[in-house]
Amino acid sequence: MAINPTCDKCGSELVEFGAIILSPPDKDGNVKKLHICKGCYKELAEWLN
């Protein structure tokens, strides 16, 4: 059974490596991990700059 990861922002299937975003820890020390595609990463990087 194959794993078909999807972008947590746009929902498209990740056919090539994109990026991983880590949230700040919550009060219990848990961190949320999000996978995003290259297109969404590009938008995020432009927004951050």
PDB file of N, CA and C in Angstrom:
ATOM      1  N   MET A   1       0.847  -1.179   0.000  1.00  0.00           N
ATOM      2  CA  MET A   1       0.000   0.000   0.000  1.00  0.00           C
ATOM      3  C   MET A   1       0.893   1.244   0.000  1.00  0.00           C
ATOM      4  N   ALA A   2       0.719   2.098  -0.976  1.00  0.00           N
ATOM      5  CA  ALA A   2       1.540   3.304  -1.113  1.00  0.00           C
ATOM      6  C   ALA A   2       0.984   4.441  -0.262  1.00  0.00           C
ATOM      7  N   ILE A   3       1.885   5.283   0.179  1.00  0.00           N
ATOM      8  CA  ILE A   3       1.489   6.486   0.912  1.00  0.00           C
ATOM      9  C   ILE A   3       1.414   7.623  -0.097  1.00  0.00           C
ATOM     10  N   ASN A   4       0.310   8.359  -0.102  1.00  0.00           N
ATOM     11  CA  ASN A   4       0.126   9.485  -1.012  1.00  0.00           C
ATOM     12  C   ASN A   4      -0.034  10.766  -0.200  1.00  0.00           C
ATOM     13  N   PRO A   5       1.077  11.378   0.214  1.00  0.00           N
ATOM     14  CA  PRO A   5       0.969  12.587   1.032  1.00  0.00           C
ATOM     15  C   PRO A   5       0.375  13.744   0.231  1.00  0.00           C
ATOM     16  N   THR A   6      -0.335  14.609   0.922  1.00  0.00           N
ATOM     17  CA  THR A   6      -0.923  15.786   0.284  1.00  0.00           C
ATOM     18  C   THR A   6      -0.464  17.046   0.991  1.00  0.00           C
ATOM     19  N   CYS A   7      -0.516  18.149   0.273  1.00  0.00           N
ATOM     20  CA  CYS A   7      -0.161  19.456   0.825  1.00  0.00           C
ATOM     21  C   CYS A   7      -1.219  19.854   1.850  1.00  0.00           C
ATOM     22  N   ASP A   8      -0.785  20.247   3.038  1.00  0.00           N
ATOM     23  CA  ASP A   8      -1.722  20.650   4.087  1.00  0.00           C
ATOM     24  C   ASP A   8      -2.343  22.020   3.820  1.00  0.00           C
ATOM     25  N   LYS A   9      -1.842  22.760   2.837  1.00  0.00           N
ATOM     26  CA  LYS A   9      -2.424  24.066   2.510  1.00  0.00           C
ATOM     27  C   LYS A   9      -3.421  23.956   1.362  1.00  0.00           C
ATOM     28  N   CYS A  10      -2.989  23.397   0.211  1.00  0.00           N
ATOM     29  CA  CYS A  10      -3.867  23.375  -0.969  1.00  0.00           C
ATOM     30  C   CYS A  10      -4.512  22.016  -1.228  1.00  0.00           C
ATOM     31  N   GLY A  11      -4.004  20.967  -0.586  1.00  0.00           N
ATOM     32  CA  GLY A  11      -4.591  19.643  -0.734  1.00  0.00           C
ATOM     33  C   GLY A  11      -4.092  18.829  -1.910  1.00  0.00           C
ATOM     34  N   SER A  12      -3.190  19.386  -2.727  1.00  0.00           N
ATOM     35  CA  SER A  12      -2.689  18.631  -3.876  1.00  0.00           C
ATOM     36  C   SER A  12      -1.735  17.532  -3.420  1.00  0.00           C
ATOM     37  N   GLU A  13      -1.681  16.460  -4.210  1.00  0.00           N
ATOM     38  CA  GLU A  13      -0.775  15.359  -3.891  1.00  0.00           C
ATOM     39  C   GLU A  13       0.665  15.813  -4.087  1.00  0.00           C
ATOM     40  N   LEU A  14       1.531  15.441  -3.157  1.00  0.00           N
ATOM     41  CA  LEU A  14       2.945  15.798  -3.248  1.00  0.00           C
ATOM     42  C   LEU A  14       3.646  14.780  -4.134  1.00  0.00           C
ATOM     43  N   VAL A  15       3.884  15.156  -5.402  1.00  0.00           N
ATOM     44  CA  VAL A  15       4.555  14.255  -6.332  1.00  0.00           C
ATOM     45  C   VAL A  15       6.067  14.418  -6.268  1.00  0.00           C
ATOM     46  N   GLU A  16       6.543  15.507  -5.669  1.00  0.00           N
ATOM     47  CA  GLU A  16       7.963  15.713  -5.398  1.00  0.00           C
ATOM     48  C   GLU A  16       8.080  16.385  -4.037  1.00  0.00           C
ATOM     49  N   PHE A  17       9.265  16.347  -3.447  1.00  0.00           N
ATOM     50  CA  PHE A  17       9.447  16.902  -2.115  1.00  0.00           C
ATOM     51  C   PHE A  17       9.132  18.391  -2.096  1.00  0.00           C
ATOM     52  N   GLY A  18       8.450  18.820  -1.074  1.00  0.00           N
ATOM     53  CA  GLY A  18       8.141  20.225  -0.872  1.00  0.00           C
ATOM     54  C   GLY A  18       8.853  20.715   0.378  1.00  0.00           C
ATOM     55  N   ALA A  19       8.068  21.095   1.396  1.00  0.00           N
ATOM     56  CA  ALA A  19       8.649  21.611   2.631  1.00  0.00           C
ATOM     57  C   ALA A  19       7.847  21.110   3.820  1.00  0.00           C
ATOM     58  N   ILE A  20       8.462  21.189   4.977  1.00  0.00           N
ATOM     59  CA  ILE A  20       7.808  20.838   6.238  1.00  0.00           C
ATOM     60  C   ILE A  20       7.797  22.088   7.103  1.00  0.00           C
ATOM     61  N   ILE A  21       6.647  22.385   7.680  1.00  0.00           N
ATOM     62  CA  ILE A  21       6.511  23.525   8.584  1.00  0.00           C
ATOM     63  C   ILE A  21       6.229  22.976   9.976  1.00  0.00           C
ATOM     64  N   LEU A  22       6.953  23.473  10.964  1.00  0.00           N
ATOM     65  CA  LEU A  22       6.737  23.073  12.356  1.00  0.00           C
ATOM     66  C   LEU A  22       6.137  24.236  13.122  1.00  0.00           C
ATOM     67  N   SER A  23       5.115  23.943  13.916  1.00  0.00           N
ATOM     68  CA  SER A  23       4.486  24.971  14.741  1.00  0.00           C
ATOM     69  C   SER A  23       5.299  25.182  16.015  1.00  0.00           C
ATOM     70  N   PRO A  24       5.043  26.279  16.707  1.00  0.00           N
ATOM     71  CA  PRO A  24       5.637  26.420  18.042  1.00  0.00           C
ATOM     72  C   PRO A  24       5.032  25.355  18.965  1.00  0.00           C
ATOM     73  N   PRO A  25       5.759  24.951  19.979  1.00  0.00           N
ATOM     74  CA  PRO A  25       5.198  23.969  20.916  1.00  0.00           C
ATOM     75  C   PRO A  25       4.000  24.541  21.669  1.00  0.00           C
ATOM     76  N   ASP A  26       3.013  23.677  21.936  1.00  0.00           N
ATOM     77  CA  ASP A  26       1.896  24.108  22.773  1.00  0.00           C
ATOM     78  C   ASP A  26       2.291  23.959  24.243  1.00  0.00           C
ATOM     79  N   LYS A  27       1.349  24.189  25.142  1.00  0.00           N
ATOM     80  CA  LYS A  27       1.666  24.157  26.581  1.00  0.00           C
ATOM     81  C   LYS A  27       2.139  22.785  27.058  1.00  0.00           C
ATOM     82  N   ASP A  28       1.794  21.726  26.289  1.00  0.00           N
ATOM     83  CA  ASP A  28       2.225  20.373  26.641  1.00  0.00           C
ATOM     84  C   ASP A  28       3.496  19.951  25.905  1.00  0.00           C
ATOM     85  N   GLY A  29       4.057  20.860  25.111  1.00  0.00           N
ATOM     86  CA  GLY A  29       5.279  20.566  24.377  1.00  0.00           C
ATOM     87  C   GLY A  29       5.068  19.877  23.039  1.00  0.00           C
ATOM     88  N   ASN A  30       3.808  19.761  22.607  1.00  0.00           N
ATOM     89  CA  ASN A  30       3.522  19.119  21.323  1.00  0.00           C
ATOM     90  C   ASN A  30       3.713  20.105  20.177  1.00  0.00           C
ATOM     91  N   VAL A  31       4.262  19.614  19.078  1.00  0.00           N
ATOM     92  CA  VAL A  31       4.510  20.426  17.889  1.00  0.00           C
ATOM     93  C   VAL A  31       3.716  19.834  16.737  1.00  0.00           C
ATOM     94  N   LYS A  32       3.066  20.696  15.955  1.00  0.00           N
ATOM     95  CA  LYS A  32       2.323  20.240  14.786  1.00  0.00           C
ATOM     96  C   LYS A  32       3.241  20.307  13.566  1.00  0.00           C
ATOM     97  N   LYS A  33       3.245  19.251  12.742  1.00  0.00           N
ATOM     98  CA  LYS A  33       4.072  19.194  11.537  1.00  0.00           C
ATOM     99  C   LYS A  33       3.159  19.225  10.321  1.00  0.00           C
ATOM    100  N   LEU A  34       3.425  20.172   9.416  1.00  0.00           N
ATOM    101  CA  LEU A  34       2.634  20.314   8.201  1.00  0.00           C
ATOM    102  C   LEU A  34       3.523  20.098   6.983  1.00  0.00           C
ATOM    103  N   HIS A  35       2.985  19.447   5.973  1.00  0.00           N
ATOM    104  CA  HIS A  35       3.694  19.247   4.706  1.00  0.00           C
ATOM    105  C   HIS A  35       3.082  20.195   3.687  1.00  0.00           C
ATOM    106  N   ILE A  36       3.924  20.919   2.934  1.00  0.00           N
ATOM    107  CA  ILE A  36       3.402  21.791   1.887  1.00  0.00           C
ATOM    108  C   ILE A  36       4.154  21.548   0.579  1.00  0.00           C
ATOM    109  N   CYS A  37       3.457  21.781  -0.527  1.00  0.00           N
ATOM    110  CA  CYS A  37       4.053  21.590  -1.850  1.00  0.00           C
ATOM    111  C   CYS A  37       4.979  22.759  -2.181  1.00  0.00           C
ATOM    112  N   LYS A  38       5.738  22.608  -3.266  1.00  0.00           N
ATOM    113  CA  LYS A  38       6.681  23.654  -3.666  1.00  0.00           C
ATOM    114  C   LYS A  38       5.966  24.959  -4.003  1.00  0.00           C
ATOM    115  N   GLY A  39       4.798  24.871  -4.626  1.00  0.00           N
ATOM    116  CA  GLY A  39       4.042  26.076  -4.971  1.00  0.00           C
ATOM    117  C   GLY A  39       3.606  26.846  -3.739  1.00  0.00           C
ATOM    118  N   CYS A  40       3.083  26.146  -2.747  1.00  0.00           N
ATOM    119  CA  CYS A  40       2.650  26.803  -1.509  1.00  0.00           C
ATOM    120  C   CYS A  40       3.850  27.323  -0.729  1.00  0.00           C
ATOM    121  N   TYR A  41       4.980  26.602  -0.791  1.00  0.00           N
ATOM    122  CA  TYR A  41       6.182  27.095  -0.124  1.00  0.00           C
ATOM    123  C   TYR A  41       6.642  28.400  -0.761  1.00  0.00           C
ATOM    124  N   LYS A  42       6.587  28.467  -2.090  1.00  0.00           N
ATOM    125  CA  LYS A  42       6.997  29.689  -2.784  1.00  0.00           C
ATOM    126  C   LYS A  42       6.131  30.866  -2.335  1.00  0.00           C
ATOM    127  N   GLU A  43       4.813  30.662  -2.243  1.00  0.00           N
ATOM    128  CA  GLU A  43       3.906  31.714  -1.764  1.00  0.00           C
ATOM    129  C   GLU A  43       4.258  32.120  -0.336  1.00  0.00           C
ATOM    130  N   LEU A  44       4.522  31.143   0.523  1.00  0.00           N
ATOM    131  CA  LEU A  44       4.866  31.425   1.913  1.00  0.00           C
ATOM    132  C   LEU A  44       6.172  32.205   1.999  1.00  0.00           C
ATOM    133  N   ALA A  45       7.177  31.789   1.226  1.00  0.00           N
ATOM    134  CA  ALA A  45       8.478  32.465   1.245  1.00  0.00           C
ATOM    135  C   ALA A  45       8.345  33.910   0.768  1.00  0.00           C
ATOM    136  N   GLU A  46       7.539  34.145  -0.271  1.00  0.00           N
ATOM    137  CA  GLU A  46       7.318  35.510  -0.755  1.00  0.00           C
ATOM    138  C   GLU A  46       6.613  36.344   0.307  1.00  0.00           C
ATOM    139  N   TRP A  47       5.630  35.748   0.997  1.00  0.00           N
ATOM    140  CA  TRP A  47       4.897  36.456   2.042  1.00  0.00           C
ATOM    141  C   TRP A  47       5.826  36.815   3.208  1.00  0.00           C
ATOM    142  N   LEU A  48       6.739  35.905   3.551  1.00  0.00           N
ATOM    143  CA  LEU A  48       7.656  36.150   4.662  1.00  0.00           C
ATOM    144  C   LEU A  48       8.686  37.226   4.344  1.00  0.00           C
ATOM    145  N   ASN A  49       9.036  37.365   3.079  1.00  0.00           N
ATOM    146  CA  ASN A  49      10.020  38.378   2.681  1.00  0.00           C
ATOM    147  C   ASN A  49       9.298  39.661   2.484  1.00  0.00           C
TER     148      ASN A  49
END
